Amino acid sequence: MRMLRWMSGFTLKDRIQNKHIHEKVEVAPVIDKIRESRLRWFGHIKRRPSDDPVRRVDVLDLTYIKKVHIYLKRIG
């Protein structure tokens, strides 16, 4: 947000709401950009061959991880 304020010429002393600054600068919300990036990566992974190590992680069963984490927490 600091960069957007700088780009639009506002300071915190101007007490302008973030949503008004977003409207003026016309940038997409950060959460939308993160979602777009994740979907792009997901599509990239899905196009890989099914025997690729990255695709094998896609179907990996991680139900035991929580138990191991709790066990390690008690030890350490």
PDB file of N, CA and C in Angstrom:
ATOM      1  N   MET A   1       0.829  -1.180   0.000  1.00  0.00           N
ATOM      2  CA  MET A   1       0.000   0.000   0.000  1.00  0.00           C
ATOM      3  C   MET A   1       0.877   1.248   0.000  1.00  0.00           C
ATOM      4  N   ARG A   2       2.027   1.157   0.614  1.00  0.00           N
ATOM      5  CA  ARG A   2       2.918   2.302   0.678  1.00  0.00           C
ATOM      6  C   ARG A   2       3.317   2.764  -0.723  1.00  0.00           C
ATOM      7  N   MET A   3       3.580   1.785  -1.593  1.00  0.00           N
ATOM      8  CA  MET A   3       3.981   2.101  -2.963  1.00  0.00           C
ATOM      9  C   MET A   3       2.826   2.751  -3.728  1.00  0.00           C
ATOM     10  N   LEU A   4       1.611   2.280  -3.505  1.00  0.00           N
ATOM     11  CA  LEU A   4       0.459   2.872  -4.178  1.00  0.00           C
ATOM     12  C   LEU A   4       0.225   4.300  -3.715  1.00  0.00           C
ATOM     13  N   ARG A   5       0.404   4.539  -2.419  1.00  0.00           N
ATOM     14  CA  ARG A   5       0.282   5.910  -1.919  1.00  0.00           C
ATOM     15  C   ARG A   5       1.332   6.816  -2.562  1.00  0.00           C
ATOM     16  N   TRP A   6       2.539   6.315  -2.684  1.00  0.00           N
ATOM     17  CA  TRP A   6       3.616   7.095  -3.287  1.00  0.00           C
ATOM     18  C   TRP A   6       3.302   7.380  -4.757  1.00  0.00           C
ATOM     19  N   MET A   7       2.793   6.355  -5.470  1.00  0.00           N
ATOM     20  CA  MET A   7       2.471   6.524  -6.886  1.00  0.00           C
ATOM     21  C   MET A   7       1.359   7.544  -7.099  1.00  0.00           C
ATOM     22  N   SER A   8       0.391   7.579  -6.198  1.00  0.00           N
ATOM     23  CA  SER A   8      -0.740   8.478  -6.363  1.00  0.00           C
ATOM     24  C   SER A   8      -0.487   9.856  -5.759  1.00  0.00           C
ATOM     25  N   GLY A   9       0.612   9.991  -5.032  1.00  0.00           N
ATOM     26  CA  GLY A   9       0.950  11.299  -4.475  1.00  0.00           C
ATOM     27  C   GLY A   9       0.321  11.583  -3.126  1.00  0.00           C
ATOM     28  N   PHE A  10      -0.227  10.572  -2.483  1.00  0.00           N
ATOM     29  CA  PHE A  10      -0.835  10.753  -1.167  1.00  0.00           C
ATOM     30  C   PHE A  10       0.128  10.311  -0.081  1.00  0.00           C
ATOM     31  N   THR A  11      -0.063  10.867   1.107  1.00  0.00           N
ATOM     32  CA  THR A  11       0.689  10.421   2.274  1.00  0.00           C
ATOM     33  C   THR A  11      -0.316   9.963   3.331  1.00  0.00           C
ATOM     34  N   LEU A  12       0.183   9.380   4.398  1.00  0.00           N
ATOM     35  CA  LEU A  12      -0.710   8.958   5.475  1.00  0.00           C
ATOM     36  C   LEU A  12      -1.399  10.160   6.122  1.00  0.00           C
ATOM     37  N   LYS A  13      -0.741  11.303   6.087  1.00  0.00           N
ATOM     38  CA  LYS A  13      -1.339  12.510   6.661  1.00  0.00           C
ATOM     39  C   LYS A  13      -2.584  12.952   5.899  1.00  0.00           C
ATOM     40  N   ASP A  14      -2.693  12.563   4.625  1.00  0.00           N
ATOM     41  CA  ASP A  14      -3.872  12.915   3.832  1.00  0.00           C
ATOM     42  C   ASP A  14      -5.110  12.148   4.281  1.00  0.00           C
ATOM     43  N   ARG A  15      -4.908  11.036   4.992  1.00  0.00           N
ATOM     44  CA  ARG A  15      -5.982  10.216   5.548  1.00  0.00           C
ATOM     45  C   ARG A  15      -6.998   9.796   4.479  1.00  0.00           C
ATOM     46  N   ILE A  16      -6.488   9.274   3.372  1.00  0.00           N
ATOM     47  CA  ILE A  16      -7.317   8.758   2.284  1.00  0.00           C
ATOM     48  C   ILE A  16      -7.428   7.244   2.466  1.00  0.00           C
ATOM     49  N   GLN A  17      -8.628   6.700   2.336  1.00  0.00           N
ATOM     50  CA  GLN A  17      -8.837   5.268   2.534  1.00  0.00           C
ATOM     51  C   GLN A  17      -8.165   4.464   1.416  1.00  0.00           C
ATOM     52  N   ASN A  18      -7.752   3.254   1.783  1.00  0.00           N
ATOM     53  CA  ASN A  18      -7.056   2.389   0.830  1.00  0.00           C
ATOM     54  C   ASN A  18      -7.905   2.091  -0.399  1.00  0.00           C
ATOM     55  N   LYS A  19      -9.198   1.883  -0.203  1.00  0.00           N
ATOM     56  CA  LYS A  19     -10.051   1.538  -1.349  1.00  0.00           C
ATOM     57  C   LYS A  19     -10.110   2.679  -2.363  1.00  0.00           C
ATOM     58  N   HIS A  20     -10.039   3.927  -1.896  1.00  0.00           N
ATOM     59  CA  HIS A  20     -10.041   5.051  -2.816  1.00  0.00           C
ATOM     60  C   HIS A  20      -8.725   5.123  -3.595  1.00  0.00           C
ATOM     61  N   ILE A  21      -7.650   4.794  -2.935  1.00  0.00           N
ATOM     62  CA  ILE A  21      -6.353   4.792  -3.611  1.00  0.00           C
ATOM     63  C   ILE A  21      -6.310   3.683  -4.655  1.00  0.00           C
ATOM     64  N   HIS A  22      -6.842   2.505  -4.317  1.00  0.00           N
ATOM     65  CA  HIS A  22      -6.908   1.396  -5.280  1.00  0.00           C
ATOM     66  C   HIS A  22      -7.719   1.797  -6.508  1.00  0.00           C
ATOM     67  N   GLU A  23      -8.832   2.490  -6.292  1.00  0.00           N
ATOM     68  CA  GLU A  23      -9.665   2.925  -7.412  1.00  0.00           C
ATOM     69  C   GLU A  23      -8.926   3.937  -8.283  1.00  0.00           C
ATOM     70  N   LYS A  24      -8.196   4.848  -7.659  1.00  0.00           N
ATOM     71  CA  LYS A  24      -7.494   5.873  -8.429  1.00  0.00           C
ATOM     72  C   LYS A  24      -6.360   5.267  -9.253  1.00  0.00           C
ATOM     73  N   VAL A  25      -5.577   4.372  -8.659  1.00  0.00           N
ATOM     74  CA  VAL A  25      -4.421   3.794  -9.342  1.00  0.00           C
ATOM     75  C   VAL A  25      -4.854   2.687 -10.313  1.00  0.00           C
ATOM     76  N   GLU A  26      -6.040   2.124 -10.090  1.00  0.00           N
ATOM     77  CA  GLU A  26      -6.609   1.063 -10.932  1.00  0.00           C
ATOM     78  C   GLU A  26      -5.713  -0.176 -10.992  1.00  0.00           C
ATOM     79  N   VAL A  27      -5.384  -0.712  -9.822  1.00  0.00           N
ATOM     80  CA  VAL A  27      -4.620  -1.958  -9.748  1.00  0.00           C
ATOM     81  C   VAL A  27      -5.524  -3.051  -9.193  1.00  0.00           C
ATOM     82  N   ALA A  28      -5.212  -4.274  -9.560  1.00  0.00           N
ATOM     83  CA  ALA A  28      -5.978  -5.417  -9.058  1.00  0.00           C
ATOM     84  C   ALA A  28      -5.582  -5.691  -7.608  1.00  0.00           C
ATOM     85  N   PRO A  29      -6.518  -6.182  -6.804  1.00  0.00           N
ATOM     86  CA  PRO A  29      -6.178  -6.546  -5.423  1.00  0.00           C
ATOM     87  C   PRO A  29      -5.117  -7.648  -5.396  1.00  0.00           C
ATOM     88  N   VAL A  30      -4.317  -7.642  -4.373  1.00  0.00           N
ATOM     89  CA  VAL A  30      -3.222  -8.599  -4.243  1.00  0.00           C
ATOM     90  C   VAL A  30      -3.745 -10.031  -4.199  1.00  0.00           C
ATOM     91  N   ILE A  31      -4.837 -10.254  -3.520  1.00  0.00           N
ATOM     92  CA  ILE A  31      -5.372 -11.610  -3.400  1.00  0.00           C
ATOM     93  C   ILE A  31      -5.746 -12.173  -4.768  1.00  0.00           C
ATOM     94  N   ASP A  32      -6.249 -11.320  -5.664  1.00  0.00           N
ATOM     95  CA  ASP A  32      -6.574 -11.785  -7.018  1.00  0.00           C
ATOM     96  C   ASP A  32      -5.323 -12.183  -7.779  1.00  0.00           C
ATOM     97  N   LYS A  33      -4.261 -11.436  -7.619  1.00  0.00           N
ATOM     98  CA  LYS A  33      -3.006 -11.757  -8.299  1.00  0.00           C
ATOM     99  C   LYS A  33      -2.403 -13.053  -7.757  1.00  0.00           C
ATOM    100  N   ILE A  34      -2.508 -13.268  -6.453  1.00  0.00           N
ATOM    101  CA  ILE A  34      -2.006 -14.508  -5.860  1.00  0.00           C
ATOM    102  C   ILE A  34      -2.810 -15.695  -6.385  1.00  0.00           C
ATOM    103  N   ARG A  35      -4.138 -15.551  -6.432  1.00  0.00           N
ATOM    104  CA  ARG A  35      -5.000 -16.624  -6.941  1.00  0.00           C
ATOM    105  C   ARG A  35      -4.671 -16.929  -8.410  1.00  0.00           C
ATOM    106  N   GLU A  36      -4.468 -15.895  -9.201  1.00  0.00           N
ATOM    107  CA  GLU A  36      -4.122 -16.078 -10.612  1.00  0.00           C
ATOM    108  C   GLU A  36      -2.804 -16.829 -10.766  1.00  0.00           C
ATOM    109  N   SER A  37      -1.825 -16.473  -9.949  1.00  0.00           N
ATOM    110  CA  SER A  37      -0.521 -17.129 -10.003  1.00  0.00           C
ATOM    111  C   SER A  37      -0.625 -18.596  -9.606  1.00  0.00           C
ATOM    112  N   ARG A  38      -1.396 -18.886  -8.564  1.00  0.00           N
ATOM    113  CA  ARG A  38      -1.568 -20.273  -8.126  1.00  0.00           C
ATOM    114  C   ARG A  38      -2.260 -21.112  -9.191  1.00  0.00           C
ATOM    115  N   LEU A  39      -3.270 -20.540  -9.836  1.00  0.00           N
ATOM    116  CA  LEU A  39      -3.966 -21.273 -10.890  1.00  0.00           C
ATOM    117  C   LEU A  39      -3.058 -21.518 -12.088  1.00  0.00           C
ATOM    118  N   ARG A  40      -2.215 -20.559 -12.412  1.00  0.00           N
ATOM    119  CA  ARG A  40      -1.275 -20.734 -13.508  1.00  0.00           C
ATOM    120  C   ARG A  40      -0.305 -21.868 -13.182  1.00  0.00           C
ATOM    121  N   TRP A  41       0.183 -21.906 -11.945  1.00  0.00           N
ATOM    122  CA  TRP A  41       1.101 -22.970 -11.530  1.00  0.00           C
ATOM    123  C   TRP A  41       0.395 -24.322 -11.526  1.00  0.00           C
ATOM    124  N   PHE A  42      -0.854 -24.349 -11.078  1.00  0.00           N
ATOM    125  CA  PHE A  42      -1.613 -25.586 -11.057  1.00  0.00           C
ATOM    126  C   PHE A  42      -1.785 -26.136 -12.472  1.00  0.00           C
ATOM    127  N   GLY A  43      -2.080 -25.269 -13.421  1.00  0.00           N
ATOM    128  CA  GLY A  43      -2.205 -25.697 -14.807  1.00  0.00           C
ATOM    129  C   GLY A  43      -0.888 -26.219 -15.351  1.00  0.00           C
ATOM    130  N   HIS A  44       0.195 -25.592 -14.963  1.00  0.00           N
ATOM    131  CA  HIS A  44       1.523 -26.041 -15.391  1.00  0.00           C
ATOM    132  C   HIS A  44       1.805 -27.447 -14.866  1.00  0.00           C
ATOM    133  N   ILE A  45       1.473 -27.695 -13.623  1.00  0.00           N
ATOM    134  CA  ILE A  45       1.705 -29.004 -13.015  1.00  0.00           C
ATOM    135  C   ILE A  45       0.818 -30.065 -13.663  1.00  0.00           C
ATOM    136  N   LYS A  46      -0.432 -29.738 -13.926  1.00  0.00           N
ATOM    137  CA  LYS A  46      -1.361 -30.711 -14.499  1.00  0.00           C
ATOM    138  C   LYS A  46      -0.959 -31.115 -15.922  1.00  0.00           C
ATOM    139  N   ARG A  47      -0.197 -30.295 -16.631  1.00  0.00           N
ATOM    140  CA  ARG A  47       0.238 -30.649 -17.983  1.00  0.00           C
ATOM    141  C   ARG A  47       1.456 -31.557 -17.987  1.00  0.00           C
ATOM    142  N   ARG A  48       2.086 -31.745 -16.845  1.00  0.00           N
ATOM    143  CA  ARG A  48       3.255 -32.627 -16.771  1.00  0.00           C
ATOM    144  C   ARG A  48       2.826 -34.092 -16.903  1.00  0.00           C
ATOM    145  N   PRO A  49       3.727 -34.959 -17.333  1.00  0.00           N
ATOM    146  CA  PRO A  49       3.378 -36.390 -17.405  1.00  0.00           C
ATOM    147  C   PRO A  49       3.030 -36.949 -16.018  1.00  0.00           C
ATOM    148  N   SER A  50       2.184 -37.967 -15.991  1.00  0.00           N
ATOM    149  CA  SER A  50       1.705 -38.486 -14.707  1.00  0.00           C
ATOM    150  C   SER A  50       2.797 -39.180 -13.902  1.00  0.00           C
ATOM    151  N   ASP A  51       3.894 -39.621 -14.531  1.00  0.00           N
ATOM    152  CA  ASP A  51       4.974 -40.259 -13.780  1.00  0.00           C
ATOM    153  C   ASP A  51       6.037 -39.260 -13.326  1.00  0.00           C
ATOM    154  N   ASP A  52       5.823 -37.983 -13.580  1.00  0.00           N
ATOM    155  CA  ASP A  52       6.750 -36.932 -13.158  1.00  0.00           C
ATOM    156  C   ASP A  52       6.708 -36.805 -11.633  1.00  0.00           C
ATOM    157  N   PRO A  53       7.851 -36.569 -10.973  1.00  0.00           N
ATOM    158  CA  PRO A  53       7.844 -36.461  -9.494  1.00  0.00           C
ATOM    159  C   PRO A  53       6.886 -35.392  -8.966  1.00  0.00           C
ATOM    160  N   VAL A  54       6.746 -34.300  -9.684  1.00  0.00           N
ATOM    161  CA  VAL A  54       5.846 -33.236  -9.229  1.00  0.00           C
ATOM    162  C   VAL A  54       4.400 -33.717  -9.246  1.00  0.00           C
ATOM    163  N   ARG A  55       4.024 -34.495 -10.228  1.00  0.00           N
ATOM    164  CA  ARG A  55       2.668 -35.024 -10.300  1.00  0.00           C
ATOM    165  C   ARG A  55       2.436 -36.075  -9.228  1.00  0.00           C
ATOM    166  N   ARG A  56       3.485 -36.829  -8.866  1.00  0.00           N
ATOM    167  CA  ARG A  56       3.310 -37.833  -7.821  1.00  0.00           C
ATOM    168  C   ARG A  56       3.028 -37.176  -6.475  1.00  0.00           C
ATOM    169  N   VAL A  57       3.542 -35.998  -6.253  1.00  0.00           N
ATOM    170  CA  VAL A  57       3.272 -35.264  -5.010  1.00  0.00           C
ATOM    171  C   VAL A  57       1.805 -34.858  -4.959  1.00  0.00           C
ATOM    172  N   ASP A  58       1.211 -34.658  -6.130  1.00  0.00           N
ATOM    173  CA  ASP A  58      -0.188 -34.251  -6.208  1.00  0.00           C
ATOM    174  C   ASP A  58      -1.114 -35.271  -5.543  1.00  0.00           C
ATOM    175  N   VAL A  59      -0.766 -36.539  -5.591  1.00  0.00           N
ATOM    176  CA  VAL A  59      -1.616 -37.592  -5.014  1.00  0.00           C
ATOM    177  C   VAL A  59      -1.025 -38.158  -3.724  1.00  0.00           C
ATOM    178  N   LEU A  60      -0.059 -37.500  -3.147  1.00  0.00           N
ATOM    179  CA  LEU A  60       0.619 -37.972  -1.951  1.00  0.00           C
ATOM    180  C   LEU A  60      -0.324 -37.921  -0.749  1.00  0.00           C
ATOM    181  N   ASP A  61      -0.321 -38.960   0.048  1.00  0.00           N
ATOM    182  CA  ASP A  61      -1.159 -39.035   1.242  1.00  0.00           C
ATOM    183  C   ASP A  61      -0.382 -38.475   2.426  1.00  0.00           C
ATOM    184  N   LEU A  62      -0.852 -37.371   2.990  1.00  0.00           N
ATOM    185  CA  LEU A  62      -0.143 -36.705   4.086  1.00  0.00           C
ATOM    186  C   LEU A  62      -0.927 -36.759   5.396  1.00  0.00           C
ATOM    187  N   THR A  63      -1.744 -37.775   5.592  1.00  0.00           N
ATOM    188  CA  THR A  63      -2.558 -37.833   6.799  1.00  0.00           C
ATOM    189  C   THR A  63      -1.726 -38.085   8.053  1.00  0.00           C
ATOM    190  N   TYR A  64      -0.558 -38.669   7.906  1.00  0.00           N
ATOM    191  CA  TYR A  64       0.270 -38.985   9.078  1.00  0.00           C
ATOM    192  C   TYR A  64       1.145 -37.814   9.514  1.00  0.00           C
ATOM    193  N   ILE A  65       1.258 -36.776   8.744  1.00  0.00           N
ATOM    194  CA  ILE A  65       2.168 -35.658   9.027  1.00  0.00           C
ATOM    195  C   ILE A  65       1.832 -34.989  10.349  1.00  0.00           C
ATOM    196  N   LYS A  66       0.585 -34.784  10.654  1.00  0.00           N
ATOM    197  CA  LYS A  66       0.199 -34.111  11.881  1.00  0.00           C
ATOM    198  C   LYS A  66       0.693 -34.892  13.101  1.00  0.00           C
ATOM    199  N   LYS A  67       0.578 -36.206  13.070  1.00  0.00           N
ATOM    200  CA  LYS A  67       1.012 -37.028  14.191  1.00  0.00           C
ATOM    201  C   LYS A  67       2.524 -36.934  14.384  1.00  0.00           C
ATOM    202  N   VAL A  68       3.275 -36.936  13.304  1.00  0.00           N
ATOM    203  CA  VAL A  68       4.730 -36.830  13.393  1.00  0.00           C
ATOM    204  C   VAL A  68       5.112 -35.476  13.953  1.00  0.00           C
ATOM    205  N   HIS A  69       4.436 -34.413  13.533  1.00  0.00           N
ATOM    206  CA  HIS A  69       4.731 -33.067  14.010  1.00  0.00           C
ATOM    207  C   HIS A  69       4.494 -32.955  15.516  1.00  0.00           C
ATOM    208  N   ILE A  70       3.404 -33.510  15.999  1.00  0.00           N
ATOM    209  CA  ILE A  70       3.108 -33.475  17.436  1.00  0.00           C
ATOM    210  C   ILE A  70       4.162 -34.272  18.207  1.00  0.00           C
ATOM    211  N   TYR A  71       4.556 -35.417  17.673  1.00  0.00           N
ATOM    212  CA  TYR A  71       5.570 -36.239  18.320  1.00  0.00           C
ATOM    213  C   TYR A  71       6.893 -35.482  18.416  1.00  0.00           C
ATOM    214  N   LEU A  72       7.300 -34.837  17.339  1.00  0.00           N
ATOM    215  CA  LEU A  72       8.551 -34.095  17.340  1.00  0.00           C
ATOM    216  C   LEU A  72       8.480 -32.893  18.278  1.00  0.00           C
ATOM    217  N   LYS A  73       7.316 -32.302  18.402  1.00  0.00           N
ATOM    218  CA  LYS A  73       7.153 -31.159  19.289  1.00  0.00           C
ATOM    219  C   LYS A  73       7.366 -31.576  20.749  1.00  0.00           C
ATOM    220  N   ARG A  74       6.906 -32.771  21.101  1.00  0.00           N
ATOM    221  CA  ARG A  74       7.060 -33.257  22.474  1.00  0.00           C
ATOM    222  C   ARG A  74       8.516 -33.590  22.774  1.00  0.00           C
ATOM    223  N   ILE A  75       9.232 -34.104  21.782  1.00  0.00           N
ATOM    224  CA  ILE A  75      10.633 -34.474  21.984  1.00  0.00           C
ATOM    225  C   ILE A  75      11.497 -33.228  22.155  1.00  0.00           C
ATOM    226  N   GLY A  76      11.311 -32.281  21.236  1.00  0.00           N
ATOM    227  CA  GLY A  76      12.171 -31.091  21.195  1.00  0.00           C
ATOM    228  C   GLY A  76      11.714 -30.080  22.114  1.00  0.00           C
TER     229      GLY A  76
END
